[in-house]
């Protein structure tokens, strides 16, 4: 149904960010990027938290974390220093991690999620049985349309235009030939 159509905001084509599963609320472009992306507003997607894939848990050794840090940042931090200092140092209000700190090293949350194959960069860290447990919520970056939420809206009878206009505030759906 969307063949030949595009979404615009103030006559410019948008970057249609999307993700698999939100944390019950999507992330605003302003909060993540600082500016731009005015069509990416925080939107409720409450049914997402009912998905069986909403939460995943990973456990990793401090040695594995140290290996990643040394490979990427050539840091000389010890395991004891790592255990004492490892923390989420910056996150959005709904938990998307912008930065993890290990000693003096600052690691982007998206890179951390990539290193440990986390489903999203919405996670928290907690020591667990001599290791580090990472509890991850949602799937993807949290920006734009939640695919799970869109599917739920469709099952409740919403059409694609209604769904897209819900997740992308103030957009117009246009034929690309206009």
C-alpha atoms as a PDB file:
ATOM      1  CA  UNK A   1       0.000   0.000   0.000  1.00  0.00           C
ATOM      2  CA  UNK A   2       2.904   2.375   0.551  1.00  0.00           C
ATOM      3  CA  UNK A   3       4.573   1.821  -2.832  1.00  0.00           C
ATOM      4  CA  UNK A   4       5.408   5.187  -4.376  1.00  0.00           C
ATOM      5  CA  UNK A   5       4.788   7.116  -1.171  1.00  0.00           C
ATOM      6  CA  UNK A   6       7.126   9.043   1.080  1.00  0.00           C
ATOM      7  CA  UNK A   7       6.842  10.897   4.371  1.00  0.00           C
ATOM      8  CA  UNK A   8       7.775  14.540   4.621  1.00  0.00           C
ATOM      9  CA  UNK A   9       8.052  17.075   7.401  1.00  0.00           C
ATOM     10  CA  UNK A  10       7.825  20.681   6.203  1.00  0.00           C
ATOM     11  CA  UNK A  11       8.337  19.456   2.626  1.00  0.00           C
ATOM     12  CA  UNK A  12      11.579  17.588   3.401  1.00  0.00           C
ATOM     13  CA  UNK A  13      11.777  13.803   3.349  1.00  0.00           C
ATOM     14  CA  UNK A  14      12.231  12.408   6.828  1.00  0.00           C
ATOM     15  CA  UNK A  15      14.662   9.844   8.187  1.00  0.00           C
ATOM     16  CA  UNK A  16      12.126   7.188   9.201  1.00  0.00           C
ATOM     17  CA  UNK A  17      13.855   5.694  12.226  1.00  0.00           C
ATOM     18  CA  UNK A  18      12.211   2.553  13.525  1.00  0.00           C
ATOM     19  CA  UNK A  19      12.963  -0.212  15.982  1.00  0.00           C
ATOM     20  CA  UNK A  20      11.636  -3.640  16.868  1.00  0.00           C
ATOM     21  CA  UNK A  21      10.230  -3.070  20.331  1.00  0.00           C
ATOM     22  CA  UNK A  22      10.108  -0.008  22.567  1.00  0.00           C
ATOM     23  CA  UNK A  23      10.284   0.136  26.336  1.00  0.00           C
ATOM     24  CA  UNK A  24       6.660   1.289  26.437  1.00  0.00           C
ATOM     25  CA  UNK A  25       7.605   4.736  25.161  1.00  0.00           C
ATOM     26  CA  UNK A  26       9.581   5.728  22.094  1.00  0.00           C
ATOM     27  CA  UNK A  27      12.583   8.009  22.360  1.00  0.00           C
ATOM     28  CA  UNK A  28      12.390  11.619  21.214  1.00  0.00           C
ATOM     29  CA  UNK A  29      14.845  12.794  18.592  1.00  0.00           C
ATOM     30  CA  UNK A  30      15.572  15.905  20.635  1.00  0.00           C
ATOM     31  CA  UNK A  31      16.534  13.893  23.705  1.00  0.00           C
ATOM     32  CA  UNK A  32      18.806  11.556  21.735  1.00  0.00           C
ATOM     33  CA  UNK A  33      20.307  13.862  19.103  1.00  0.00           C
ATOM     34  CA  UNK A  34      19.934  17.223  20.863  1.00  0.00           C
ATOM     35  CA  UNK A  35      18.406  18.954  17.857  1.00  0.00           C
ATOM     36  CA  UNK A  36      16.797  18.167  14.551  1.00  0.00           C
ATOM     37  CA  UNK A  37      14.317  15.372  13.938  1.00  0.00           C
ATOM     38  CA  UNK A  38      11.292  17.356  15.215  1.00  0.00           C
ATOM     39  CA  UNK A  39       8.958  14.616  13.943  1.00  0.00           C
ATOM     40  CA  UNK A  40      10.487  12.114  16.395  1.00  0.00           C
ATOM     41  CA  UNK A  41       8.500  12.807  19.532  1.00  0.00           C
ATOM     42  CA  UNK A  42       8.147  10.554  22.534  1.00  0.00           C
ATOM     43  CA  UNK A  43       5.103   8.343  21.944  1.00  0.00           C
ATOM     44  CA  UNK A  44       3.433   5.772  24.160  1.00  0.00           C
ATOM     45  CA  UNK A  45       3.656   2.247  22.828  1.00  0.00           C
ATOM     46  CA  UNK A  46       2.463   0.566  25.999  1.00  0.00           C
ATOM     47  CA  UNK A  47       1.640  -2.835  24.530  1.00  0.00           C
ATOM     48  CA  UNK A  48       5.325  -3.353  23.759  1.00  0.00           C
ATOM     49  CA  UNK A  49       6.079  -4.262  27.372  1.00  0.00           C
ATOM     50  CA  UNK A  50       3.757  -7.272  27.042  1.00  0.00           C
ATOM     51  CA  UNK A  51       5.928  -8.873  24.359  1.00  0.00           C
ATOM     52  CA  UNK A  52       7.773 -12.034  25.333  1.00  0.00           C
ATOM     53  CA  UNK A  53      10.887 -10.429  23.828  1.00  0.00           C
ATOM     54  CA  UNK A  54      10.672  -7.288  25.968  1.00  0.00           C
ATOM     55  CA  UNK A  55      13.512  -8.182  28.351  1.00  0.00           C
ATOM     56  CA  UNK A  56      16.724 -10.119  27.877  1.00  0.00           C
ATOM     57  CA  UNK A  57      19.473 -10.831  30.368  1.00  0.00           C
ATOM     58  CA  UNK A  58      23.143 -11.409  29.596  1.00  0.00           C
ATOM     59  CA  UNK A  59      25.940 -12.282  31.992  1.00  0.00           C
ATOM     60  CA  UNK A  60      29.547 -11.553  31.105  1.00  0.00           C
ATOM     61  CA  UNK A  61      32.838 -11.867  32.954  1.00  0.00           C
ATOM     62  CA  UNK A  62      34.836  -8.815  33.904  1.00  0.00           C
ATOM     63  CA  UNK A  63      37.691 -10.391  31.959  1.00  0.00           C
ATOM     64  CA  UNK A  64      35.619 -10.260  28.762  1.00  0.00           C
ATOM     65  CA  UNK A  65      34.741  -6.611  29.431  1.00  0.00           C
ATOM     66  CA  UNK A  66      38.401  -5.819  30.070  1.00  0.00           C
ATOM     67  CA  UNK A  67      39.353  -7.527  26.807  1.00  0.00           C
ATOM     68  CA  UNK A  68      36.904  -5.323  24.871  1.00  0.00           C
ATOM     69  CA  UNK A  69      38.176  -2.180  26.607  1.00  0.00           C
ATOM     70  CA  UNK A  70      41.822  -2.985  25.934  1.00  0.00           C
ATOM     71  CA  UNK A  71      41.168  -3.842  22.282  1.00  0.00           C
ATOM     72  CA  UNK A  72      39.205  -0.656  21.600  1.00  0.00           C
ATOM     73  CA  UNK A  73      40.766   1.888  23.952  1.00  0.00           C
ATOM     74  CA  UNK A  74      44.175   0.438  24.930  1.00  0.00           C
ATOM     75  CA  UNK A  75      43.381   1.188  28.559  1.00  0.00           C
ATOM     76  CA  UNK A  76      45.530  -0.067  31.428  1.00  0.00           C
ATOM     77  CA  UNK A  77      42.627  -0.505  33.863  1.00  0.00           C
ATOM     78  CA  UNK A  78      42.739  -3.550  36.140  1.00  0.00           C
ATOM     79  CA  UNK A  79      39.861  -5.910  36.832  1.00  0.00           C
ATOM     80  CA  UNK A  80      39.567  -4.531  40.388  1.00  0.00           C
ATOM     81  CA  UNK A  81      39.418  -0.954  39.041  1.00  0.00           C
ATOM     82  CA  UNK A  82      36.882  -2.068  36.461  1.00  0.00           C
ATOM     83  CA  UNK A  83      34.666  -3.715  39.097  1.00  0.00           C
ATOM     84  CA  UNK A  84      34.782  -0.566  41.212  1.00  0.00           C
ATOM     85  CA  UNK A  85      34.166   1.977  38.464  1.00  0.00           C
ATOM     86  CA  UNK A  86      31.951   0.338  35.834  1.00  0.00           C
ATOM     87  CA  UNK A  87      28.651   2.215  35.533  1.00  0.00           C
ATOM     88  CA  UNK A  88      26.125   3.765  33.198  1.00  0.00           C
ATOM     89  CA  UNK A  89      27.156   7.412  33.316  1.00  0.00           C
ATOM     90  CA  UNK A  90      24.632   8.929  30.890  1.00  0.00           C
ATOM     91  CA  UNK A  91      21.180   7.733  29.876  1.00  0.00           C
ATOM     92  CA  UNK A  92      17.915   9.171  28.644  1.00  0.00           C
ATOM     93  CA  UNK A  93      15.017   9.488  31.058  1.00  0.00           C
ATOM     94  CA  UNK A  94      13.565   6.174  29.863  1.00  0.00           C
ATOM     95  CA  UNK A  95      16.872   4.300  30.053  1.00  0.00           C
ATOM     96  CA  UNK A  96      18.581   4.427  26.652  1.00  0.00           C
ATOM     97  CA  UNK A  97      22.269   4.432  27.507  1.00  0.00           C
ATOM     98  CA  UNK A  98      24.356   7.182  25.976  1.00  0.00           C
ATOM     99  CA  UNK A  99      27.552   6.380  27.871  1.00  0.00           C
ATOM    100  CA  UNK A 100      29.161   3.707  30.035  1.00  0.00           C
ATOM    101  CA  UNK A 101      32.155   4.639  32.150  1.00  0.00           C
ATOM    102  CA  UNK A 102      34.993   2.271  33.073  1.00  0.00           C
ATOM    103  CA  UNK A 103      37.664   4.093  35.045  1.00  0.00           C
ATOM    104  CA  UNK A 104      38.367   7.195  32.961  1.00  0.00           C
ATOM    105  CA  UNK A 105      37.214   5.549  29.734  1.00  0.00           C
ATOM    106  CA  UNK A 106      33.862   6.595  28.286  1.00  0.00           C
ATOM    107  CA  UNK A 107      32.181   4.094  25.984  1.00  0.00           C
ATOM    108  CA  UNK A 108      29.138   5.020  23.855  1.00  0.00           C
ATOM    109  CA  UNK A 109      26.102   2.985  24.933  1.00  0.00           C
ATOM    110  CA  UNK A 110      25.462   1.918  21.351  1.00  0.00           C
ATOM    111  CA  UNK A 111      29.003   0.522  21.126  1.00  0.00           C
ATOM    112  CA  UNK A 112      28.598  -1.282  24.459  1.00  0.00           C
ATOM    113  CA  UNK A 113      25.367  -2.876  23.199  1.00  0.00           C
ATOM    114  CA  UNK A 114      27.159  -3.916  20.006  1.00  0.00           C
ATOM    115  CA  UNK A 115      30.123  -5.394  21.912  1.00  0.00           C
ATOM    116  CA  UNK A 116      27.872  -7.669  23.950  1.00  0.00           C
ATOM    117  CA  UNK A 117      25.178  -8.333  21.319  1.00  0.00           C
ATOM    118  CA  UNK A 118      22.462  -6.665  23.392  1.00  0.00           C
ATOM    119  CA  UNK A 119      19.028  -6.322  21.788  1.00  0.00           C
ATOM    120  CA  UNK A 120      19.028  -2.559  22.426  1.00  0.00           C
ATOM    121  CA  UNK A 121      21.022   0.165  24.094  1.00  0.00           C
ATOM    122  CA  UNK A 122      18.409   0.389  26.851  1.00  0.00           C
ATOM    123  CA  UNK A 123      20.122  -1.604  29.568  1.00  0.00           C
ATOM    124  CA  UNK A 124      21.390  -1.480  33.084  1.00  0.00           C
ATOM    125  CA  UNK A 125      24.349  -3.129  34.708  1.00  0.00           C
ATOM    126  CA  UNK A 126      24.511  -4.989  37.989  1.00  0.00           C
ATOM    127  CA  UNK A 127      27.192  -7.131  39.605  1.00  0.00           C
ATOM    128  CA  UNK A 128      26.064 -10.732  39.804  1.00  0.00           C
ATOM    129  CA  UNK A 129      27.916 -13.717  41.220  1.00  0.00           C
ATOM    130  CA  UNK A 130      31.367 -12.240  40.475  1.00  0.00           C
ATOM    131  CA  UNK A 131      30.323 -11.246  36.939  1.00  0.00           C
ATOM    132  CA  UNK A 132      28.363  -8.430  35.313  1.00  0.00           C
ATOM    133  CA  UNK A 133      24.706  -8.916  34.503  1.00  0.00           C
ATOM    134  CA  UNK A 134      23.195  -6.733  31.769  1.00  0.00           C
ATOM    135  CA  UNK A 135      19.429  -6.415  31.804  1.00  0.00           C
ATOM    136  CA  UNK A 136      18.266  -5.145  28.428  1.00  0.00           C
ATOM    137  CA  UNK A 137      14.812  -3.786  27.605  1.00  0.00           C
ATOM    138  CA  UNK A 138      13.237  -3.497  24.170  1.00  0.00           C
ATOM    139  CA  UNK A 139      14.831  -4.095  20.797  1.00  0.00           C
ATOM    140  CA  UNK A 140      16.636  -1.480  18.749  1.00  0.00           C
ATOM    141  CA  UNK A 141      17.281   2.214  19.227  1.00  0.00           C
ATOM    142  CA  UNK A 142      13.851   3.300  20.510  1.00  0.00           C
ATOM    143  CA  UNK A 143      13.564   6.055  17.886  1.00  0.00           C
ATOM    144  CA  UNK A 144      10.549   6.487  15.631  1.00  0.00           C
ATOM    145  CA  UNK A 145       8.142   3.671  15.001  1.00  0.00           C
ATOM    146  CA  UNK A 146       7.990   0.574  17.143  1.00  0.00           C
ATOM    147  CA  UNK A 147       7.355  -2.329  14.785  1.00  0.00           C
ATOM    148  CA  UNK A 148       5.686  -4.292  17.581  1.00  0.00           C
ATOM    149  CA  UNK A 149       3.508  -1.306  18.503  1.00  0.00           C
ATOM    150  CA  UNK A 150       2.615  -0.697  14.858  1.00  0.00           C
ATOM    151  CA  UNK A 151       1.602  -4.339  14.513  1.00  0.00           C
ATOM    152  CA  UNK A 152      -0.608  -4.033  17.600  1.00  0.00           C
ATOM    153  CA  UNK A 153      -2.254  -0.884  16.184  1.00  0.00           C
ATOM    154  CA  UNK A 154      -2.877  -2.685  12.861  1.00  0.00           C
ATOM    155  CA  UNK A 155      -4.470  -5.634  14.676  1.00  0.00           C
ATOM    156  CA  UNK A 156      -6.782  -3.129  16.391  1.00  0.00           C
ATOM    157  CA  UNK A 157      -7.857  -1.749  13.002  1.00  0.00           C
ATOM    158  CA  UNK A 158      -5.527   1.201  12.370  1.00  0.00           C
ATOM    159  CA  UNK A 159      -4.423   1.750   8.793  1.00  0.00           C
ATOM    160  CA  UNK A 160      -0.836   2.407   7.781  1.00  0.00           C
ATOM    161  CA  UNK A 161      -1.317   6.182   7.470  1.00  0.00           C
ATOM    162  CA  UNK A 162      -2.760   6.425  10.975  1.00  0.00           C
ATOM    163  CA  UNK A 163       0.103   4.331  12.351  1.00  0.00           C
ATOM    164  CA  UNK A 164       2.803   6.324  10.575  1.00  0.00           C
ATOM    165  CA  UNK A 165       1.287   9.671  11.576  1.00  0.00           C
ATOM    166  CA  UNK A 166       1.102   8.478  15.184  1.00  0.00           C
ATOM    167  CA  UNK A 167       4.771   7.548  15.407  1.00  0.00           C
ATOM    168  CA  UNK A 168       6.067  10.405  13.212  1.00  0.00           C
ATOM    169  CA  UNK A 169       4.545  13.655  14.475  1.00  0.00           C
ATOM    170  CA  UNK A 170       3.503  16.281  11.925  1.00  0.00           C
ATOM    171  CA  UNK A 171       4.435  14.314   8.811  1.00  0.00           C
ATOM    172  CA  UNK A 172       2.597  14.254   5.515  1.00  0.00           C
ATOM    173  CA  UNK A 173       2.402  11.141   3.390  1.00  0.00           C
ATOM    174  CA  UNK A 174       2.871  12.091  -0.234  1.00  0.00           C
ATOM    175  CA  UNK A 175       3.059  10.384  -3.577  1.00  0.00           C
ATOM    176  CA  UNK A 176       6.692  10.597  -4.697  1.00  0.00           C
ATOM    177  CA  UNK A 177       5.546  12.070  -8.029  1.00  0.00           C
ATOM    178  CA  UNK A 178       3.985  15.136  -6.354  1.00  0.00           C
END
